[in-house]
ModelCIF file with pLDDT and N, C-alpha, C, O atoms, coordinates in Angstrom:
data_MODEL
#
_entry.id   MODEL 
#
_entity.id                         1 
_entity.type                       polymer 
_entity.pdbx_number_of_molecules   1 
#
_entity_poly.entity_id                      1 
_entity_poly.type                           'polypeptide(L)' 
_entity_poly.nstd_linkage                   no 
_entity_poly.nstd_monomer                   no 
_entity_poly.pdbx_seq_one_letter_code       EHKLSSINLNEGTMEFKQPYVKELLQDTADLIVGCDGAFSTVRQQMV 
_entity_poly.pdbx_seq_one_letter_code_can   EHKLSSINLNEGTMEFKQPYVKELLQDTADLIVGCDGAFSTVRQQMV 
_entity_poly.pdbx_strand_id                 A 
#
loop_
_entity_poly_seq.entity_id 
_entity_poly_seq.num 
_entity_poly_seq.mon_id 
_entity_poly_seq.hetero 
1 1  GLU n 
1 2  HIS n 
1 3  LYS n 
1 4  LEU n 
1 5  SER n 
1 6  SER n 
1 7  ILE n 
1 8  ASN n 
1 9  LEU n 
1 10 ASN n 
1 11 GLU n 
1 12 GLY n 
1 13 THR n 
1 14 MET n 
1 15 GLU n 
1 16 PHE n 
1 17 LYS n 
1 18 GLN n 
1 19 PRO n 
1 20 TYR n 
1 21 VAL n 
1 22 LYS n 
1 23 GLU n 
1 24 LEU n 
1 25 LEU n 
1 26 GLN n 
1 27 ASP n 
1 28 THR n 
1 29 ALA n 
1 30 ASP n 
1 31 LEU n 
1 32 ILE n 
1 33 VAL n 
1 34 GLY n 
1 35 CYS n 
1 36 ASP n 
1 37 GLY n 
1 38 ALA n 
1 39 PHE n 
1 40 SER n 
1 41 THR n 
1 42 VAL n 
1 43 ARG n 
1 44 GLN n 
1 45 GLN n 
1 46 MET n 
1 47 VAL n 
#
_struct_asym.id          A 
_struct_asym.entity_id   1 
#
loop_
_ma_qa_metric.id 
_ma_qa_metric.mode 
_ma_qa_metric.name 
_ma_qa_metric.software_group_id 
_ma_qa_metric.type 
1 global pLDDT . pLDDT 
2 local  pLDDT . pLDDT 
#
_ma_qa_metric_global.metric_id      1 
_ma_qa_metric_global.metric_value   95.21 
_ma_qa_metric_global.model_id       1 
_ma_qa_metric_global.ordinal_id     1 
#
loop_
_ma_qa_metric_local.label_asym_id 
_ma_qa_metric_local.label_comp_id 
_ma_qa_metric_local.label_seq_id 
_ma_qa_metric_local.metric_id 
_ma_qa_metric_local.metric_value 
_ma_qa_metric_local.model_id 
_ma_qa_metric_local.ordinal_id 
A GLU 1  2 97.00 1 1  
A HIS 2  2 97.00 1 2  
A LYS 3  2 97.00 1 3  
A LEU 4  2 97.00 1 4  
A SER 5  2 95.00 1 5  
A SER 6  2 94.00 1 6  
A ILE 7  2 95.00 1 7  
A ASN 8  2 95.00 1 8  
A LEU 9  2 92.00 1 9  
A ASN 10 2 89.00 1 10 
A GLU 11 2 92.00 1 11 
A GLY 12 2 93.00 1 12 
A THR 13 2 96.00 1 13 
A MET 14 2 97.00 1 14 
A GLU 15 2 97.00 1 15 
A PHE 16 2 97.00 1 16 
A LYS 17 2 96.00 1 17 
A GLN 18 2 95.00 1 18 
A PRO 19 2 92.00 1 19 
A TYR 20 2 90.00 1 20 
A VAL 21 2 90.00 1 21 
A LYS 22 2 88.00 1 22 
A GLU 23 2 92.00 1 23 
A LEU 24 2 94.00 1 24 
A LEU 25 2 95.00 1 25 
A GLN 26 2 96.00 1 26 
A ASP 27 2 96.00 1 27 
A THR 28 2 96.00 1 28 
A ALA 29 2 97.00 1 29 
A ASP 30 2 96.00 1 30 
A LEU 31 2 97.00 1 31 
A ILE 32 2 98.00 1 32 
A VAL 33 2 98.00 1 33 
A GLY 34 2 98.00 1 34 
A CYS 35 2 98.00 1 35 
A ASP 36 2 97.00 1 36 
A GLY 37 2 95.00 1 37 
A ALA 38 2 95.00 1 38 
A PHE 39 2 95.00 1 39 
A SER 40 2 97.00 1 40 
A THR 41 2 97.00 1 41 
A VAL 42 2 97.00 1 42 
A ARG 43 2 97.00 1 43 
A GLN 44 2 96.00 1 44 
A GLN 45 2 96.00 1 45 
A MET 46 2 96.00 1 46 
A VAL 47 2 95.00 1 47 
#
loop_
_atom_site.group_PDB 
_atom_site.id 
_atom_site.type_symbol 
_atom_site.label_atom_id 
_atom_site.label_alt_id 
_atom_site.label_comp_id 
_atom_site.label_asym_id 
_atom_site.label_entity_id 
_atom_site.label_seq_id 
_atom_site.pdbx_PDB_ins_code 
_atom_site.Cartn_x 
_atom_site.Cartn_y 
_atom_site.Cartn_z 
_atom_site.occupancy 
_atom_site.B_iso_or_equiv 
_atom_site.pdbx_formal_charge 
_atom_site.auth_seq_id 
_atom_site.auth_comp_id 
_atom_site.auth_asym_id 
_atom_site.auth_atom_id 
_atom_site.pdbx_PDB_model_num 
ATOM 1   N N  . GLU A 1 1  ? -23.986 30.370 119.374 1.00 97.00 ? 1  GLU A N  1 
ATOM 2   C CA . GLU A 1 1  ? -23.423 31.274 119.816 1.00 97.00 ? 1  GLU A CA 1 
ATOM 3   C C  . GLU A 1 1  ? -23.165 31.105 121.202 1.00 97.00 ? 1  GLU A C  1 
ATOM 4   O O  . GLU A 1 1  ? -23.020 32.152 121.833 1.00 97.00 ? 1  GLU A O  1 
ATOM 5   N N  . HIS A 1 2  ? -23.061 29.877 121.920 1.00 97.00 ? 2  HIS A N  1 
ATOM 6   C CA . HIS A 1 2  ? -23.202 29.699 123.271 1.00 97.00 ? 2  HIS A CA 1 
ATOM 7   C C  . HIS A 1 2  ? -21.430 29.007 123.482 1.00 97.00 ? 2  HIS A C  1 
ATOM 8   O O  . HIS A 1 2  ? -20.928 28.017 122.949 1.00 97.00 ? 2  HIS A O  1 
ATOM 9   N N  . LYS A 1 3  ? -20.981 29.752 124.222 1.00 97.00 ? 3  LYS A N  1 
ATOM 10  C CA . LYS A 1 3  ? -19.412 29.221 124.494 1.00 97.00 ? 3  LYS A CA 1 
ATOM 11  C C  . LYS A 1 3  ? -19.535 28.937 125.791 1.00 97.00 ? 3  LYS A C  1 
ATOM 12  O O  . LYS A 1 3  ? -19.843 29.696 126.710 1.00 97.00 ? 3  LYS A O  1 
ATOM 13  N N  . LEU A 1 4  ? -19.172 27.333 125.824 1.00 97.00 ? 4  LEU A N  1 
ATOM 14  C CA . LEU A 1 4  ? -18.631 27.188 127.290 1.00 97.00 ? 4  LEU A CA 1 
ATOM 15  C C  . LEU A 1 4  ? -17.260 27.777 127.841 1.00 97.00 ? 4  LEU A C  1 
ATOM 16  O O  . LEU A 1 4  ? -16.170 27.694 127.274 1.00 97.00 ? 4  LEU A O  1 
ATOM 17  N N  . SER A 1 5  ? -17.586 28.511 129.303 1.00 95.00 ? 5  SER A N  1 
ATOM 18  C CA . SER A 1 5  ? -16.233 29.124 129.635 1.00 95.00 ? 5  SER A CA 1 
ATOM 19  C C  . SER A 1 5  ? -15.832 28.170 130.687 1.00 95.00 ? 5  SER A C  1 
ATOM 20  O O  . SER A 1 5  ? -14.643 27.904 130.862 1.00 95.00 ? 5  SER A O  1 
ATOM 21  N N  . SER A 1 6  ? -17.000 27.518 131.567 1.00 94.00 ? 6  SER A N  1 
ATOM 22  C CA . SER A 1 6  ? -16.504 27.066 133.009 1.00 94.00 ? 6  SER A CA 1 
ATOM 23  C C  . SER A 1 6  ? -17.722 25.770 133.038 1.00 94.00 ? 6  SER A C  1 
ATOM 24  O O  . SER A 1 6  ? -18.709 25.735 132.302 1.00 94.00 ? 6  SER A O  1 
ATOM 25  N N  . ILE A 1 7  ? -17.433 24.962 133.866 1.00 95.00 ? 7  ILE A N  1 
ATOM 26  C CA . ILE A 1 7  ? -18.120 23.819 134.122 1.00 95.00 ? 7  ILE A CA 1 
ATOM 27  C C  . ILE A 1 7  ? -17.868 23.048 135.235 1.00 95.00 ? 7  ILE A C  1 
ATOM 28  O O  . ILE A 1 7  ? -16.668 22.809 135.371 1.00 95.00 ? 7  ILE A O  1 
ATOM 29  N N  . ASN A 1 8  ? -18.706 22.497 136.218 1.00 95.00 ? 8  ASN A N  1 
ATOM 30  C CA . ASN A 1 8  ? -18.669 21.978 137.401 1.00 95.00 ? 8  ASN A CA 1 
ATOM 31  C C  . ASN A 1 8  ? -19.503 20.809 137.192 1.00 95.00 ? 8  ASN A C  1 
ATOM 32  O O  . ASN A 1 8  ? -20.722 20.652 137.121 1.00 95.00 ? 8  ASN A O  1 
ATOM 33  N N  . LEU A 1 9  ? -18.267 19.850 137.096 1.00 92.00 ? 9  LEU A N  1 
ATOM 34  C CA . LEU A 1 9  ? -18.775 18.102 137.156 1.00 92.00 ? 9  LEU A CA 1 
ATOM 35  C C  . LEU A 1 9  ? -19.628 17.513 137.616 1.00 92.00 ? 9  LEU A C  1 
ATOM 36  O O  . LEU A 1 9  ? -20.597 16.856 137.235 1.00 92.00 ? 9  LEU A O  1 
ATOM 37  N N  . ASN A 1 10 ? -18.837 18.033 139.178 1.00 89.00 ? 10 ASN A N  1 
ATOM 38  C CA . ASN A 1 10 ? -19.692 17.624 140.292 1.00 89.00 ? 10 ASN A CA 1 
ATOM 39  C C  . ASN A 1 10 ? -21.359 17.733 140.564 1.00 89.00 ? 10 ASN A C  1 
ATOM 40  O O  . ASN A 1 10 ? -22.290 16.970 140.823 1.00 89.00 ? 10 ASN A O  1 
ATOM 41  N N  . GLU A 1 11 ? -21.131 19.178 140.337 1.00 92.00 ? 11 GLU A N  1 
ATOM 42  C CA . GLU A 1 11 ? -22.765 19.787 140.396 1.00 92.00 ? 11 GLU A CA 1 
ATOM 43  C C  . GLU A 1 11 ? -23.604 19.599 138.990 1.00 92.00 ? 11 GLU A C  1 
ATOM 44  O O  . GLU A 1 11 ? -24.795 19.371 138.784 1.00 92.00 ? 11 GLU A O  1 
ATOM 45  N N  . GLY A 1 12 ? -22.732 19.747 138.309 1.00 93.00 ? 12 GLY A N  1 
ATOM 46  C CA . GLY A 1 12 ? -23.647 19.646 136.720 1.00 93.00 ? 12 GLY A CA 1 
ATOM 47  C C  . GLY A 1 12 ? -24.146 20.808 136.175 1.00 93.00 ? 12 GLY A C  1 
ATOM 48  O O  . GLY A 1 12 ? -25.069 20.843 135.362 1.00 93.00 ? 12 GLY A O  1 
ATOM 49  N N  . THR A 1 13 ? -23.301 22.158 136.790 1.00 96.00 ? 13 THR A N  1 
ATOM 50  C CA . THR A 1 13 ? -23.031 23.423 136.585 1.00 96.00 ? 13 THR A CA 1 
ATOM 51  C C  . THR A 1 13 ? -22.488 23.521 135.551 1.00 96.00 ? 13 THR A C  1 
ATOM 52  O O  . THR A 1 13 ? -21.635 22.684 135.254 1.00 96.00 ? 13 THR A O  1 
ATOM 53  N N  . MET A 1 14 ? -22.965 25.096 134.242 1.00 97.00 ? 14 MET A N  1 
ATOM 54  C CA . MET A 1 14 ? -22.382 25.549 133.231 1.00 97.00 ? 14 MET A CA 1 
ATOM 55  C C  . MET A 1 14 ? -22.421 26.499 133.198 1.00 97.00 ? 14 MET A C  1 
ATOM 56  O O  . MET A 1 14 ? -23.491 26.936 133.623 1.00 97.00 ? 14 MET A O  1 
ATOM 57  N N  . GLU A 1 15 ? -21.196 27.791 132.619 1.00 97.00 ? 15 GLU A N  1 
ATOM 58  C CA . GLU A 1 15 ? -21.380 29.083 132.102 1.00 97.00 ? 15 GLU A CA 1 
ATOM 59  C C  . GLU A 1 15 ? -20.900 29.172 130.918 1.00 97.00 ? 15 GLU A C  1 
ATOM 60  O O  . GLU A 1 15 ? -19.843 28.822 130.394 1.00 97.00 ? 15 GLU A O  1 
ATOM 61  N N  . PHE A 1 16 ? -21.785 29.667 130.589 1.00 97.00 ? 16 PHE A N  1 
ATOM 62  C CA . PHE A 1 16 ? -21.450 30.003 128.413 1.00 97.00 ? 16 PHE A CA 1 
ATOM 63  C C  . PHE A 1 16 ? -21.528 31.702 128.343 1.00 97.00 ? 16 PHE A C  1 
ATOM 64  O O  . PHE A 1 16 ? -22.178 32.503 129.015 1.00 97.00 ? 16 PHE A O  1 
ATOM 65  N N  . LYS A 1 17 ? -20.478 31.900 127.117 1.00 96.00 ? 17 LYS A N  1 
ATOM 66  C CA . LYS A 1 17 ? -20.132 33.318 126.870 1.00 96.00 ? 17 LYS A CA 1 
ATOM 67  C C  . LYS A 1 17 ? -21.018 33.411 125.760 1.00 96.00 ? 17 LYS A C  1 
ATOM 68  O O  . LYS A 1 17 ? -21.094 32.477 124.962 1.00 96.00 ? 17 LYS A O  1 
ATOM 69  N N  . GLN A 1 18 ? -21.902 34.761 125.593 1.00 95.00 ? 18 GLN A N  1 
ATOM 70  C CA . GLN A 1 18 ? -22.596 34.935 124.086 1.00 95.00 ? 18 GLN A CA 1 
ATOM 71  C C  . GLN A 1 18 ? -22.078 36.292 123.772 1.00 95.00 ? 18 GLN A C  1 
ATOM 72  O O  . GLN A 1 18 ? -21.665 37.152 124.551 1.00 95.00 ? 18 GLN A O  1 
ATOM 73  N N  . PRO A 1 19 ? -22.211 36.324 122.088 1.00 92.00 ? 19 PRO A N  1 
ATOM 74  C CA . PRO A 1 19 ? -21.796 37.708 121.606 1.00 92.00 ? 19 PRO A CA 1 
ATOM 75  C C  . PRO A 1 19 ? -22.667 38.770 122.065 1.00 92.00 ? 19 PRO A C  1 
ATOM 76  O O  . PRO A 1 19 ? -23.897 38.801 122.085 1.00 92.00 ? 19 PRO A O  1 
ATOM 77  N N  . TYR A 1 20 ? -21.688 39.766 122.486 1.00 90.00 ? 20 TYR A N  1 
ATOM 78  C CA . TYR A 1 20 ? -22.356 40.495 123.037 1.00 90.00 ? 20 TYR A CA 1 
ATOM 79  C C  . TYR A 1 20 ? -22.983 41.175 124.406 1.00 90.00 ? 20 TYR A C  1 
ATOM 80  O O  . TYR A 1 20 ? -23.423 42.309 124.592 1.00 90.00 ? 20 TYR A O  1 
ATOM 81  N N  . VAL A 1 21 ? -22.863 40.138 125.216 1.00 90.00 ? 21 VAL A N  1 
ATOM 82  C CA . VAL A 1 21 ? -23.498 39.524 126.346 1.00 90.00 ? 21 VAL A CA 1 
ATOM 83  C C  . VAL A 1 21 ? -22.330 39.993 127.042 1.00 90.00 ? 21 VAL A C  1 
ATOM 84  O O  . VAL A 1 21 ? -21.275 39.652 126.507 1.00 90.00 ? 21 VAL A O  1 
ATOM 85  N N  . LYS A 1 22 ? -22.192 40.935 128.472 1.00 88.00 ? 22 LYS A N  1 
ATOM 86  C CA . LYS A 1 22 ? -21.169 40.645 128.999 1.00 88.00 ? 22 LYS A CA 1 
ATOM 87  C C  . LYS A 1 22 ? -21.579 39.559 130.108 1.00 88.00 ? 22 LYS A C  1 
ATOM 88  O O  . LYS A 1 22 ? -20.777 38.678 130.418 1.00 88.00 ? 22 LYS A O  1 
ATOM 89  N N  . GLU A 1 23 ? -22.959 39.655 130.748 1.00 92.00 ? 23 GLU A N  1 
ATOM 90  C CA . GLU A 1 23 ? -23.195 38.569 131.934 1.00 92.00 ? 23 GLU A CA 1 
ATOM 91  C C  . GLU A 1 23 ? -23.323 37.099 131.175 1.00 92.00 ? 23 GLU A C  1 
ATOM 92  O O  . GLU A 1 23 ? -23.932 36.808 130.145 1.00 92.00 ? 23 GLU A O  1 
ATOM 93  N N  . LEU A 1 24 ? -22.395 36.147 132.209 1.00 94.00 ? 24 LEU A N  1 
ATOM 94  C CA . LEU A 1 24 ? -22.430 34.784 131.548 1.00 94.00 ? 24 LEU A CA 1 
ATOM 95  C C  . LEU A 1 24 ? -23.666 34.271 131.556 1.00 94.00 ? 24 LEU A C  1 
ATOM 96  O O  . LEU A 1 24 ? -24.462 34.876 132.274 1.00 94.00 ? 24 LEU A O  1 
ATOM 97  N N  . LEU A 1 25 ? -24.020 33.447 131.044 1.00 95.00 ? 25 LEU A N  1 
ATOM 98  C CA . LEU A 1 25 ? -25.295 32.619 131.187 1.00 95.00 ? 25 LEU A CA 1 
ATOM 99  C C  . LEU A 1 25 ? -25.021 31.077 132.015 1.00 95.00 ? 25 LEU A C  1 
ATOM 100 O O  . LEU A 1 25 ? -24.354 30.131 131.595 1.00 95.00 ? 25 LEU A O  1 
ATOM 101 N N  . GLN A 1 26 ? -25.645 31.166 133.099 1.00 96.00 ? 26 GLN A N  1 
ATOM 102 C CA . GLN A 1 26 ? -25.779 30.023 134.074 1.00 96.00 ? 26 GLN A CA 1 
ATOM 103 C C  . GLN A 1 26 ? -27.050 28.826 133.285 1.00 96.00 ? 26 GLN A C  1 
ATOM 104 O O  . GLN A 1 26 ? -28.070 28.911 132.602 1.00 96.00 ? 26 GLN A O  1 
ATOM 105 N N  . ASP A 1 27 ? -26.244 27.823 133.870 1.00 96.00 ? 27 ASP A N  1 
ATOM 106 C CA . ASP A 1 27 ? -27.309 26.535 133.133 1.00 96.00 ? 27 ASP A CA 1 
ATOM 107 C C  . ASP A 1 27 ? -26.802 25.504 134.060 1.00 96.00 ? 27 ASP A C  1 
ATOM 108 O O  . ASP A 1 27 ? -25.642 25.473 134.472 1.00 96.00 ? 27 ASP A O  1 
ATOM 109 N N  . THR A 1 28 ? -27.875 24.528 134.415 1.00 96.00 ? 28 THR A N  1 
ATOM 110 C CA . THR A 1 28 ? -27.327 23.073 134.800 1.00 96.00 ? 28 THR A CA 1 
ATOM 111 C C  . THR A 1 28 ? -27.913 21.885 133.993 1.00 96.00 ? 28 THR A C  1 
ATOM 112 O O  . THR A 1 28 ? -28.449 22.208 132.933 1.00 96.00 ? 28 THR A O  1 
ATOM 113 N N  . ALA A 1 29 ? -27.907 20.632 134.295 1.00 97.00 ? 29 ALA A N  1 
ATOM 114 C CA . ALA A 1 29 ? -28.185 19.709 133.433 1.00 97.00 ? 29 ALA A CA 1 
ATOM 115 C C  . ALA A 1 29 ? -27.659 18.256 134.160 1.00 97.00 ? 29 ALA A C  1 
ATOM 116 O O  . ALA A 1 29 ? -26.529 18.206 134.644 1.00 97.00 ? 29 ALA A O  1 
ATOM 117 N N  . ASP A 1 30 ? -28.458 17.231 134.190 1.00 96.00 ? 30 ASP A N  1 
ATOM 118 C CA . ASP A 1 30 ? -28.622 16.120 134.436 1.00 96.00 ? 30 ASP A CA 1 
ATOM 119 C C  . ASP A 1 30 ? -27.471 15.155 134.188 1.00 96.00 ? 30 ASP A C  1 
ATOM 120 O O  . ASP A 1 30 ? -27.036 14.243 134.890 1.00 96.00 ? 30 ASP A O  1 
ATOM 121 N N  . LEU A 1 31 ? -27.132 15.566 133.106 1.00 97.00 ? 31 LEU A N  1 
ATOM 122 C CA . LEU A 1 31 ? -26.449 15.096 132.365 1.00 97.00 ? 31 LEU A CA 1 
ATOM 123 C C  . LEU A 1 31 ? -25.420 15.564 131.161 1.00 97.00 ? 31 LEU A C  1 
ATOM 124 O O  . LEU A 1 31 ? -25.876 15.356 130.037 1.00 97.00 ? 31 LEU A O  1 
ATOM 125 N N  . ILE A 1 32 ? -24.204 16.118 131.206 1.00 98.00 ? 32 ILE A N  1 
ATOM 126 C CA . ILE A 1 32 ? -23.314 16.649 130.436 1.00 98.00 ? 32 ILE A CA 1 
ATOM 127 C C  . ILE A 1 32 ? -22.513 15.885 129.258 1.00 98.00 ? 32 ILE A C  1 
ATOM 128 O O  . ILE A 1 32 ? -21.465 15.338 129.600 1.00 98.00 ? 32 ILE A O  1 
ATOM 129 N N  . VAL A 1 33 ? -22.916 15.790 127.859 1.00 98.00 ? 33 VAL A N  1 
ATOM 130 C CA . VAL A 1 33 ? -22.172 15.217 126.638 1.00 98.00 ? 33 VAL A CA 1 
ATOM 131 C C  . VAL A 1 33 ? -21.394 15.916 126.311 1.00 98.00 ? 33 VAL A C  1 
ATOM 132 O O  . VAL A 1 33 ? -21.890 16.966 125.901 1.00 98.00 ? 33 VAL A O  1 
ATOM 133 N N  . GLY A 1 34 ? -19.934 15.875 126.257 1.00 98.00 ? 34 GLY A N  1 
ATOM 134 C CA . GLY A 1 34 ? -18.953 16.436 125.608 1.00 98.00 ? 34 GLY A CA 1 
ATOM 135 C C  . GLY A 1 34 ? -18.609 16.137 124.351 1.00 98.00 ? 34 GLY A C  1 
ATOM 136 O O  . GLY A 1 34 ? -17.713 15.305 124.206 1.00 98.00 ? 34 GLY A O  1 
ATOM 137 N N  . CYS A 1 35 ? -19.312 16.815 123.016 1.00 98.00 ? 35 CYS A N  1 
ATOM 138 C CA . CYS A 1 35 ? -19.003 16.707 121.679 1.00 98.00 ? 35 CYS A CA 1 
ATOM 139 C C  . CYS A 1 35 ? -17.960 17.735 121.463 1.00 98.00 ? 35 CYS A C  1 
ATOM 140 O O  . CYS A 1 35 ? -17.833 17.689 120.239 1.00 98.00 ? 35 CYS A O  1 
ATOM 141 N N  . ASP A 1 36 ? -17.308 18.445 121.803 1.00 97.00 ? 36 ASP A N  1 
ATOM 142 C CA . ASP A 1 36 ? -16.774 19.472 121.472 1.00 97.00 ? 36 ASP A CA 1 
ATOM 143 C C  . ASP A 1 36 ? -15.503 19.620 120.785 1.00 97.00 ? 36 ASP A C  1 
ATOM 144 O O  . ASP A 1 36 ? -14.899 20.687 120.675 1.00 97.00 ? 36 ASP A O  1 
ATOM 145 N N  . GLY A 1 37 ? -15.059 18.300 120.249 1.00 95.00 ? 37 GLY A N  1 
ATOM 146 C CA . GLY A 1 37 ? -14.014 18.319 119.474 1.00 95.00 ? 37 GLY A CA 1 
ATOM 147 C C  . GLY A 1 37 ? -12.475 18.173 120.178 1.00 95.00 ? 37 GLY A C  1 
ATOM 148 O O  . GLY A 1 37 ? -12.314 18.315 121.391 1.00 95.00 ? 37 GLY A O  1 
ATOM 149 N N  . ALA A 1 38 ? -11.353 17.865 119.221 1.00 95.00 ? 38 ALA A N  1 
ATOM 150 C CA . ALA A 1 38 ? -9.872  17.700 119.888 1.00 95.00 ? 38 ALA A CA 1 
ATOM 151 C C  . ALA A 1 38 ? -9.794  18.338 120.977 1.00 95.00 ? 38 ALA A C  1 
ATOM 152 O O  . ALA A 1 38 ? -9.564  17.694 122.000 1.00 95.00 ? 38 ALA A O  1 
ATOM 153 N N  . PHE A 1 39 ? -9.973  19.848 121.046 1.00 95.00 ? 39 PHE A N  1 
ATOM 154 C CA . PHE A 1 39 ? -9.822  21.067 122.492 1.00 95.00 ? 39 PHE A CA 1 
ATOM 155 C C  . PHE A 1 39 ? -11.072 20.983 123.249 1.00 95.00 ? 39 PHE A C  1 
ATOM 156 O O  . PHE A 1 39 ? -11.628 22.022 123.605 1.00 95.00 ? 39 PHE A O  1 
ATOM 157 N N  . SER A 1 40 ? -11.497 19.986 123.490 1.00 97.00 ? 40 SER A N  1 
ATOM 158 C CA . SER A 1 40 ? -12.788 19.775 124.511 1.00 97.00 ? 40 SER A CA 1 
ATOM 159 C C  . SER A 1 40 ? -12.367 20.679 125.670 1.00 97.00 ? 40 SER A C  1 
ATOM 160 O O  . SER A 1 40 ? -11.383 20.515 126.390 1.00 97.00 ? 40 SER A O  1 
ATOM 161 N N  . THR A 1 41 ? -13.401 21.800 125.742 1.00 97.00 ? 41 THR A N  1 
ATOM 162 C CA . THR A 1 41 ? -13.343 22.492 127.459 1.00 97.00 ? 41 THR A CA 1 
ATOM 163 C C  . THR A 1 41 ? -13.652 21.238 128.472 1.00 97.00 ? 41 THR A C  1 
ATOM 164 O O  . THR A 1 41 ? -13.008 21.019 129.498 1.00 97.00 ? 41 THR A O  1 
ATOM 165 N N  . VAL A 1 42 ? -14.875 20.371 127.945 1.00 97.00 ? 42 VAL A N  1 
ATOM 166 C CA . VAL A 1 42 ? -15.663 19.303 129.180 1.00 97.00 ? 42 VAL A CA 1 
ATOM 167 C C  . VAL A 1 42 ? -14.197 18.584 129.231 1.00 97.00 ? 42 VAL A C  1 
ATOM 168 O O  . VAL A 1 42 ? -13.502 18.845 130.213 1.00 97.00 ? 42 VAL A O  1 
ATOM 169 N N  . ARG A 1 43 ? -13.772 17.857 128.417 1.00 97.00 ? 43 ARG A N  1 
ATOM 170 C CA . ARG A 1 43 ? -12.428 17.406 128.743 1.00 97.00 ? 43 ARG A CA 1 
ATOM 171 C C  . ARG A 1 43 ? -11.590 17.755 129.503 1.00 97.00 ? 43 ARG A C  1 
ATOM 172 O O  . ARG A 1 43 ? -11.232 17.045 130.443 1.00 97.00 ? 43 ARG A O  1 
ATOM 173 N N  . GLN A 1 44 ? -11.019 19.117 129.213 1.00 96.00 ? 44 GLN A N  1 
ATOM 174 C CA . GLN A 1 44 ? -10.160 19.725 130.137 1.00 96.00 ? 44 GLN A CA 1 
ATOM 175 C C  . GLN A 1 44 ? -10.571 19.940 131.735 1.00 96.00 ? 44 GLN A C  1 
ATOM 176 O O  . GLN A 1 44 ? -9.826  20.101 132.702 1.00 96.00 ? 44 GLN A O  1 
ATOM 177 N N  . GLN A 1 45 ? -11.817 19.891 131.676 1.00 96.00 ? 45 GLN A N  1 
ATOM 178 C CA . GLN A 1 45 ? -12.221 19.889 133.238 1.00 96.00 ? 45 GLN A CA 1 
ATOM 179 C C  . GLN A 1 45 ? -12.045 18.504 133.837 1.00 96.00 ? 45 GLN A C  1 
ATOM 180 O O  . GLN A 1 45 ? -11.720 18.243 134.995 1.00 96.00 ? 45 GLN A O  1 
ATOM 181 N N  . MET A 1 46 ? -12.284 17.766 132.967 1.00 96.00 ? 46 MET A N  1 
ATOM 182 C CA . MET A 1 46 ? -11.994 16.243 133.687 1.00 96.00 ? 46 MET A CA 1 
ATOM 183 C C  . MET A 1 46 ? -10.563 15.568 133.917 1.00 96.00 ? 46 MET A C  1 
ATOM 184 O O  . MET A 1 46 ? -10.203 14.615 134.608 1.00 96.00 ? 46 MET A O  1 
ATOM 185 N N  . VAL A 1 47 ? -9.788  16.577 132.928 1.00 95.00 ? 47 VAL A N  1 
ATOM 186 C CA . VAL A 1 47 ? -8.136  16.313 133.280 1.00 95.00 ? 47 VAL A CA 1 
ATOM 187 C C  . VAL A 1 47 ? -7.571  16.623 134.737 1.00 95.00 ? 47 VAL A C  1 
ATOM 188 O O  . VAL A 1 47 ? -6.382  16.433 134.991 1.00 95.00 ? 47 VAL A O  1 
#
C-alpha cells in the first residue's frame, strides 16, 4: 500500500502515497528497479 507518486532518477529519491496518510513518504535507494507494469511510473519518468 505504497503508491509511487514521484521519483528523481538522478538522485535516487522517491515519494510514496499511503492510504489515510496525508504526508508523502520519502525514501532513497542506490538502485531503483521498476517492475510496475505496462503503465509504469518509473518508465514515465524515464520518458
